[in-house]
Amino acid sequence: MPTRSRGSRHRHRKETATALKRLAALDDNQRKRLAFALDTVFGIHDLPYRLLAECNAALAEDYLQARGYAQVEADA
């Protein structure tokens, strides 16, 4: 694997910090829309879960169940 130069690492960290700030600034509707696009267009499942969890924990759990990553607990 090629190593990155010091300037390249610095630029990557700065871009990552900028992206995280932008994600933090999204409102709930924007998070839900981004989660939908990441899932349906790009097939990404971990970030949509995190975005949905920031909006609503139950919605995020429903997402995991719909994706088959979590089992539905049977009522006793």
PDB file of N, CA and C in Angstrom:
ATOM      1  N   MET A   1       0.848  -1.171   0.000  1.00  0.00           N
ATOM      2  CA  MET A   1       0.000   0.000   0.000  1.00  0.00           C
ATOM      3  C   MET A   1       0.899   1.240   0.000  1.00  0.00           C
ATOM      4  N   PRO A   2       0.656   2.157  -0.893  1.00  0.00           N
ATOM      5  CA  PRO A   2       1.504   3.349  -0.935  1.00  0.00           C
ATOM      6  C   PRO A   2       1.284   4.215   0.304  1.00  0.00           C
ATOM      7  N   THR A   3       2.371   4.830   0.739  1.00  0.00           N
ATOM      8  CA  THR A   3       2.257   5.723   1.882  1.00  0.00           C
ATOM      9  C   THR A   3       1.893   7.118   1.404  1.00  0.00           C
ATOM     10  N   ARG A   4       1.184   7.824   2.223  1.00  0.00           N
ATOM     11  CA  ARG A   4       0.780   9.194   1.906  1.00  0.00           C
ATOM     12  C   ARG A   4       1.830  10.175   2.396  1.00  0.00           C
ATOM     13  N   SER A   5       1.970  11.233   1.680  1.00  0.00           N
ATOM     14  CA  SER A   5       2.879  12.284   2.130  1.00  0.00           C
ATOM     15  C   SER A   5       2.257  13.019   3.311  1.00  0.00           C
ATOM     16  N   ARG A   6       3.044  13.758   4.016  1.00  0.00           N
ATOM     17  CA  ARG A   6       2.551  14.523   5.167  1.00  0.00           C
ATOM     18  C   ARG A   6       1.441  15.478   4.740  1.00  0.00           C
ATOM     19  N   GLY A   7       1.633  16.170   3.596  1.00  0.00           N
ATOM     20  CA  GLY A   7       0.611  17.102   3.106  1.00  0.00           C
ATOM     21  C   GLY A   7      -0.672  16.395   2.728  1.00  0.00           C
ATOM     22  N   SER A   8      -0.545  15.205   2.158  1.00  0.00           N
ATOM     23  CA  SER A   8      -1.724  14.429   1.766  1.00  0.00           C
ATOM     24  C   SER A   8      -2.515  13.992   2.993  1.00  0.00           C
ATOM     25  N   ARG A   9      -1.815  13.545   4.037  1.00  0.00           N
ATOM     26  CA  ARG A   9      -2.495  13.133   5.281  1.00  0.00           C
ATOM     27  C   ARG A   9      -3.206  14.320   5.912  1.00  0.00           C
ATOM     28  N   HIS A  10      -2.543  15.458   5.926  1.00  0.00           N
ATOM     29  CA  HIS A  10      -3.134  16.665   6.501  1.00  0.00           C
ATOM     30  C   HIS A  10      -4.397  17.062   5.717  1.00  0.00           C
ATOM     31  N   ARG A  11      -4.325  17.030   4.409  1.00  0.00           N
ATOM     32  CA  ARG A  11      -5.468  17.385   3.572  1.00  0.00           C
ATOM     33  C   ARG A  11      -6.619  16.404   3.801  1.00  0.00           C
ATOM     34  N   HIS A  12      -6.295  15.105   3.920  1.00  0.00           N
ATOM     35  CA  HIS A  12      -7.327  14.092   4.164  1.00  0.00           C
ATOM     36  C   HIS A  12      -8.018  14.341   5.512  1.00  0.00           C
ATOM     37  N   ARG A  13      -7.255  14.647   6.537  1.00  0.00           N
ATOM     38  CA  ARG A  13      -7.842  14.923   7.861  1.00  0.00           C
ATOM     39  C   ARG A  13      -8.740  16.157   7.814  1.00  0.00           C
ATOM     40  N   LYS A  14      -8.277  17.167   7.093  1.00  0.00           N
ATOM     41  CA  LYS A  14      -9.069  18.396   6.982  1.00  0.00           C
ATOM     42  C   LYS A  14     -10.383  18.126   6.234  1.00  0.00           C
ATOM     43  N   GLU A  15     -10.318  17.342   5.157  1.00  0.00           N
ATOM     44  CA  GLU A  15     -11.530  17.007   4.405  1.00  0.00           C
ATOM     45  C   GLU A  15     -12.482  16.173   5.247  1.00  0.00           C
ATOM     46  N   THR A  16     -11.947  15.253   6.035  1.00  0.00           N
ATOM     47  CA  THR A  16     -12.774  14.433   6.919  1.00  0.00           C
ATOM     48  C   THR A  16     -13.457  15.298   7.968  1.00  0.00           C
ATOM     49  N   ALA A  17     -12.732  16.216   8.572  1.00  0.00           N
ATOM     50  CA  ALA A  17     -13.313  17.105   9.576  1.00  0.00           C
ATOM     51  C   ALA A  17     -14.423  17.954   8.976  1.00  0.00           C
ATOM     52  N   THR A  18     -14.204  18.441   7.750  1.00  0.00           N
ATOM     53  CA  THR A  18     -15.226  19.242   7.076  1.00  0.00           C
ATOM     54  C   THR A  18     -16.475  18.410   6.820  1.00  0.00           C
ATOM     55  N   ALA A  19     -16.296  17.178   6.367  1.00  0.00           N
ATOM     56  CA  ALA A  19     -17.443  16.302   6.099  1.00  0.00           C
ATOM     57  C   ALA A  19     -18.217  16.012   7.376  1.00  0.00           C
ATOM     58  N   LEU A  20     -17.519  15.771   8.475  1.00  0.00           N
ATOM     59  CA  LEU A  20     -18.195  15.494   9.748  1.00  0.00           C
ATOM     60  C   LEU A  20     -18.976  16.711  10.240  1.00  0.00           C
ATOM     61  N   LYS A  21     -18.420  17.892  10.045  1.00  0.00           N
ATOM     62  CA  LYS A  21     -19.142  19.108  10.428  1.00  0.00           C
ATOM     63  C   LYS A  21     -20.406  19.266   9.599  1.00  0.00           C
ATOM     64  N   ARG A  22     -20.322  18.971   8.319  1.00  0.00           N
ATOM     65  CA  ARG A  22     -21.505  19.073   7.445  1.00  0.00           C
ATOM     66  C   ARG A  22     -22.576  18.075   7.851  1.00  0.00           C
ATOM     67  N   LEU A  23     -22.169  16.853   8.180  1.00  0.00           N
ATOM     68  CA  LEU A  23     -23.144  15.857   8.629  1.00  0.00           C
ATOM     69  C   LEU A  23     -23.811  16.299   9.928  1.00  0.00           C
ATOM     70  N   ALA A  24     -23.043  16.860  10.831  1.00  0.00           N
ATOM     71  CA  ALA A  24     -23.587  17.312  12.116  1.00  0.00           C
ATOM     72  C   ALA A  24     -24.576  18.457  11.934  1.00  0.00           C
ATOM     73  N   ALA A  25     -24.422  19.230  10.872  1.00  0.00           N
ATOM     74  CA  ALA A  25     -25.289  20.388  10.646  1.00  0.00           C
ATOM     75  C   ALA A  25     -26.614  20.025   9.975  1.00  0.00           C
ATOM     76  N   LEU A  26     -26.775  18.777   9.532  1.00  0.00           N
ATOM     77  CA  LEU A  26     -28.010  18.388   8.853  1.00  0.00           C
ATOM     78  C   LEU A  26     -29.182  18.337   9.823  1.00  0.00           C
ATOM     79  N   ASP A  27     -30.374  18.706   9.345  1.00  0.00           N
ATOM     80  CA  ASP A  27     -31.571  18.521  10.167  1.00  0.00           C
ATOM     81  C   ASP A  27     -32.078  17.089   9.962  1.00  0.00           C
ATOM     82  N   ASP A  28     -33.073  16.679  10.746  1.00  0.00           N
ATOM     83  CA  ASP A  28     -33.558  15.302  10.695  1.00  0.00           C
ATOM     84  C   ASP A  28     -34.054  14.900   9.309  1.00  0.00           C
ATOM     85  N   ASN A  29     -34.774  15.775   8.633  1.00  0.00           N
ATOM     86  CA  ASN A  29     -35.272  15.439   7.309  1.00  0.00           C
ATOM     87  C   ASN A  29     -34.111  15.215   6.333  1.00  0.00           C
ATOM     88  N   GLN A  30     -33.095  16.047   6.413  1.00  0.00           N
ATOM     89  CA  GLN A  30     -31.927  15.889   5.546  1.00  0.00           C
ATOM     90  C   GLN A  30     -31.179  14.599   5.863  1.00  0.00           C
ATOM     91  N   ARG A  31     -31.102  14.249   7.150  1.00  0.00           N
ATOM     92  CA  ARG A  31     -30.445  12.991   7.529  1.00  0.00           C
ATOM     93  C   ARG A  31     -31.198  11.796   6.955  1.00  0.00           C
ATOM     94  N   LYS A  32     -32.517  11.827   7.039  1.00  0.00           N
ATOM     95  CA  LYS A  32     -33.323  10.721   6.509  1.00  0.00           C
ATOM     96  C   LYS A  32     -33.169  10.610   4.996  1.00  0.00           C
ATOM     97  N   ARG A  33     -33.154  11.726   4.313  1.00  0.00           N
ATOM     98  CA  ARG A  33     -32.995  11.708   2.864  1.00  0.00           C
ATOM     99  C   ARG A  33     -31.612  11.202   2.467  1.00  0.00           C
ATOM    100  N   LEU A  34     -30.585  11.616   3.189  1.00  0.00           N
ATOM    101  CA  LEU A  34     -29.238  11.139   2.910  1.00  0.00           C
ATOM    102  C   LEU A  34     -29.133   9.643   3.192  1.00  0.00           C
ATOM    103  N   ALA A  35     -29.731   9.195   4.282  1.00  0.00           N
ATOM    104  CA  ALA A  35     -29.715   7.766   4.611  1.00  0.00           C
ATOM    105  C   ALA A  35     -30.376   6.955   3.489  1.00  0.00           C
ATOM    106  N   PHE A  36     -31.486   7.440   2.980  1.00  0.00           N
ATOM    107  CA  PHE A  36     -32.179   6.755   1.881  1.00  0.00           C
ATOM    108  C   PHE A  36     -31.277   6.669   0.652  1.00  0.00           C
ATOM    109  N   ALA A  37     -30.646   7.782   0.290  1.00  0.00           N
ATOM    110  CA  ALA A  37     -29.778   7.801  -0.895  1.00  0.00           C
ATOM    111  C   ALA A  37     -28.571   6.884  -0.705  1.00  0.00           C
ATOM    112  N   LEU A  38     -27.955   6.926   0.454  1.00  0.00           N
ATOM    113  CA  LEU A  38     -26.794   6.066   0.700  1.00  0.00           C
ATOM    114  C   LEU A  38     -27.163   4.595   0.598  1.00  0.00           C
ATOM    115  N   ASP A  39     -28.336   4.238   1.105  1.00  0.00           N
ATOM    116  CA  ASP A  39     -28.783   2.853   1.076  1.00  0.00           C
ATOM    117  C   ASP A  39     -29.171   2.421  -0.342  1.00  0.00           C
ATOM    118  N   THR A  40     -30.039   3.172  -0.981  1.00  0.00           N
ATOM    119  CA  THR A  40     -30.594   2.721  -2.256  1.00  0.00           C
ATOM    120  C   THR A  40     -29.662   2.935  -3.444  1.00  0.00           C
ATOM    121  N   VAL A  41     -28.915   4.016  -3.449  1.00  0.00           N
ATOM    122  CA  VAL A  41     -28.061   4.316  -4.599  1.00  0.00           C
ATOM    123  C   VAL A  41     -26.687   3.658  -4.454  1.00  0.00           C
ATOM    124  N   PHE A  42     -26.121   3.729  -3.245  1.00  0.00           N
ATOM    125  CA  PHE A  42     -24.755   3.275  -3.062  1.00  0.00           C
ATOM    126  C   PHE A  42     -24.623   1.936  -2.330  1.00  0.00           C
ATOM    127  N   GLY A  43     -25.725   1.428  -1.763  1.00  0.00           N
ATOM    128  CA  GLY A  43     -25.667   0.153  -1.058  1.00  0.00           C
ATOM    129  C   GLY A  43     -24.902   0.208   0.255  1.00  0.00           C
ATOM    130  N   ILE A  44     -24.823   1.397   0.825  1.00  0.00           N
ATOM    131  CA  ILE A  44     -24.131   1.581   2.101  1.00  0.00           C
ATOM    132  C   ILE A  44     -25.163   1.429   3.215  1.00  0.00           C
ATOM    133  N   HIS A  45     -24.830   0.648   4.259  1.00  0.00           N
ATOM    134  CA  HIS A  45     -25.811   0.400   5.312  1.00  0.00           C
ATOM    135  C   HIS A  45     -25.406   0.904   6.686  1.00  0.00           C
ATOM    136  N   ASP A  46     -24.122   1.059   6.954  1.00  0.00           N
ATOM    137  CA  ASP A  46     -23.723   1.474   8.301  1.00  0.00           C
ATOM    138  C   ASP A  46     -23.972   2.953   8.564  1.00  0.00           C
ATOM    139  N   LEU A  47     -23.628   3.801   7.619  1.00  0.00           N
ATOM    140  CA  LEU A  47     -23.852   5.236   7.811  1.00  0.00           C
ATOM    141  C   LEU A  47     -25.342   5.588   7.830  1.00  0.00           C
ATOM    142  N   PRO A  48     -26.177   4.986   6.966  1.00  0.00           N
ATOM    143  CA  PRO A  48     -27.614   5.276   7.081  1.00  0.00           C
ATOM    144  C   PRO A  48     -28.163   4.934   8.471  1.00  0.00           C
ATOM    145  N   TYR A  49     -27.699   3.822   9.043  1.00  0.00           N
ATOM    146  CA  TYR A  49     -28.150   3.475  10.391  1.00  0.00           C
ATOM    147  C   TYR A  49     -27.770   4.573  11.385  1.00  0.00           C
ATOM    148  N   ARG A  50     -26.541   5.031  11.319  1.00  0.00           N
ATOM    149  CA  ARG A  50     -26.088   6.083  12.245  1.00  0.00           C
ATOM    150  C   ARG A  50     -26.874   7.372  12.054  1.00  0.00           C
ATOM    151  N   LEU A  51     -27.136   7.724  10.793  1.00  0.00           N
ATOM    152  CA  LEU A  51     -27.918   8.937  10.523  1.00  0.00           C
ATOM    153  C   LEU A  51     -29.330   8.809  11.074  1.00  0.00           C
ATOM    154  N   LEU A  52     -29.944   7.647  10.859  1.00  0.00           N
ATOM    155  CA  LEU A  52     -31.305   7.430  11.362  1.00  0.00           C
ATOM    156  C   LEU A  52     -31.333   7.399  12.885  1.00  0.00           C
ATOM    157  N   ALA A  53     -30.298   6.841  13.505  1.00  0.00           N
ATOM    158  CA  ALA A  53     -30.238   6.784  14.970  1.00  0.00           C
ATOM    159  C   ALA A  53     -30.173   8.178  15.584  1.00  0.00           C
ATOM    160  N   GLU A  54     -29.552   9.115  14.866  1.00  0.00           N
ATOM    161  CA  GLU A  54     -29.506  10.487  15.360  1.00  0.00           C
ATOM    162  C   GLU A  54     -30.886  11.141  15.301  1.00  0.00           C
ATOM    163  N   CYS A  55     -31.728  10.656  14.394  1.00  0.00           N
ATOM    164  CA  CYS A  55     -33.090  11.199  14.274  1.00  0.00           C
ATOM    165  C   CYS A  55     -34.036  10.535  15.259  1.00  0.00           C
ATOM    166  N   ASN A  56     -33.979   9.188  15.283  1.00  0.00           N
ATOM    167  CA  ASN A  56     -34.957   8.435  16.035  1.00  0.00           C
ATOM    168  C   ASN A  56     -34.424   7.016  16.231  1.00  0.00           C
ATOM    169  N   ALA A  57     -34.210   6.611  17.467  1.00  0.00           N
ATOM    170  CA  ALA A  57     -33.640   5.292  17.760  1.00  0.00           C
ATOM    171  C   ALA A  57     -34.527   4.162  17.249  1.00  0.00           C
ATOM    172  N   ALA A  58     -35.843   4.304  17.396  1.00  0.00           N
ATOM    173  CA  ALA A  58     -36.760   3.255  16.939  1.00  0.00           C
ATOM    174  C   ALA A  58     -36.708   3.111  15.414  1.00  0.00           C
ATOM    175  N   LEU A  59     -36.618   4.231  14.725  1.00  0.00           N
ATOM    176  CA  LEU A  59     -36.517   4.201  13.267  1.00  0.00           C
ATOM    177  C   LEU A  59     -35.235   3.493  12.834  1.00  0.00           C
ATOM    178  N   ALA A  60     -34.146   3.743  13.529  1.00  0.00           N
ATOM    179  CA  ALA A  60     -32.881   3.089  13.213  1.00  0.00           C
ATOM    180  C   ALA A  60     -32.971   1.580  13.446  1.00  0.00           C
ATOM    181  N   GLU A  61     -33.609   1.168  14.517  1.00  0.00           N
ATOM    182  CA  GLU A  61     -33.787  -0.260  14.778  1.00  0.00           C
ATOM    183  C   GLU A  61     -34.678  -0.901  13.724  1.00  0.00           C
ATOM    184  N   ASP A  62     -35.736  -0.212  13.320  1.00  0.00           N
ATOM    185  CA  ASP A  62     -36.596  -0.719  12.242  1.00  0.00           C
ATOM    186  C   ASP A  62     -35.800  -0.894  10.955  1.00  0.00           C
ATOM    187  N   TYR A  63     -34.898   0.033  10.683  1.00  0.00           N
ATOM    188  CA  TYR A  63     -34.043  -0.046   9.507  1.00  0.00           C
ATOM    189  C   TYR A  63     -33.190  -1.314   9.560  1.00  0.00           C
ATOM    190  N   LEU A  64     -32.563  -1.576  10.720  1.00  0.00           N
ATOM    191  CA  LEU A  64     -31.748  -2.778  10.857  1.00  0.00           C
ATOM    192  C   LEU A  64     -32.560  -4.044  10.647  1.00  0.00           C
ATOM    193  N   GLN A  65     -33.770  -4.063  11.185  1.00  0.00           N
ATOM    194  CA  GLN A  65     -34.630  -5.227  11.012  1.00  0.00           C
ATOM    195  C   GLN A  65     -35.035  -5.396   9.553  1.00  0.00           C
ATOM    196  N   ALA A  66     -35.377  -4.317   8.891  1.00  0.00           N
ATOM    197  CA  ALA A  66     -35.773  -4.384   7.482  1.00  0.00           C
ATOM    198  C   ALA A  66     -34.607  -4.867   6.619  1.00  0.00           C
ATOM    199  N   ARG A  67     -33.403  -4.532   6.994  1.00  0.00           N
ATOM    200  CA  ARG A  67     -32.210  -4.928   6.250  1.00  0.00           C
ATOM    201  C   ARG A  67     -31.767  -6.337   6.620  1.00  0.00           C
ATOM    202  N   GLY A  68     -32.354  -6.918   7.665  1.00  0.00           N
ATOM    203  CA  GLY A  68     -31.992  -8.266   8.083  1.00  0.00           C
ATOM    204  C   GLY A  68     -30.790  -8.346   8.994  1.00  0.00           C
ATOM    205  N   TYR A  69     -30.368  -7.204   9.546  1.00  0.00           N
ATOM    206  CA  TYR A  69     -29.223  -7.175  10.447  1.00  0.00           C
ATOM    207  C   TYR A  69     -29.607  -7.400  11.893  1.00  0.00           C
ATOM    208  N   ALA A  70     -30.869  -7.322  12.210  1.00  0.00           N
ATOM    209  CA  ALA A  70     -31.338  -7.502  13.583  1.00  0.00           C
ATOM    210  C   ALA A  70     -32.556  -8.408  13.561  1.00  0.00           C
ATOM    211  N   GLN A  71     -32.676  -9.210  14.580  1.00  0.00           N
ATOM    212  CA  GLN A  71     -33.819 -10.092  14.693  1.00  0.00           C
ATOM    213  C   GLN A  71     -34.948  -9.403  15.437  1.00  0.00           C
ATOM    214  N   VAL A  72     -36.167  -9.636  15.013  1.00  0.00           N
ATOM    215  CA  VAL A  72     -37.327  -9.116  15.713  1.00  0.00           C
ATOM    216  C   VAL A  72     -37.552  -9.991  16.932  1.00  0.00           C
ATOM    217  N   GLU A  73     -37.649  -9.350  18.101  1.00  0.00           N
ATOM    218  CA  GLU A  73     -37.880 -10.104  19.326  1.00  0.00           C
ATOM    219  C   GLU A  73     -39.323 -10.556  19.387  1.00  0.00           C
ATOM    220  N   ALA A  74     -39.520 -11.852  19.633  1.00  0.00           N
ATOM    221  CA  ALA A  74     -40.870 -12.397  19.733  1.00  0.00           C
ATOM    222  C   ALA A  74     -41.445 -12.055  21.098  1.00  0.00           C
ATOM    223  N   ASP A  75     -42.729 -11.712  21.113  1.00  0.00           N
ATOM    224  CA  ASP A  75     -43.393 -11.446  22.380  1.00  0.00           C
ATOM    225  C   ASP A  75     -43.557 -12.753  23.141  1.00  0.00           C
ATOM    226  N   ALA A  76     -43.307 -12.711  24.437  1.00  0.00           N
ATOM    227  CA  ALA A  76     -43.380 -13.929  25.265  1.00  0.00           C
ATOM    228  C   ALA A  76     -44.801 -14.241  25.630  1.00  0.00           C
TER     229      ALA A  76
END
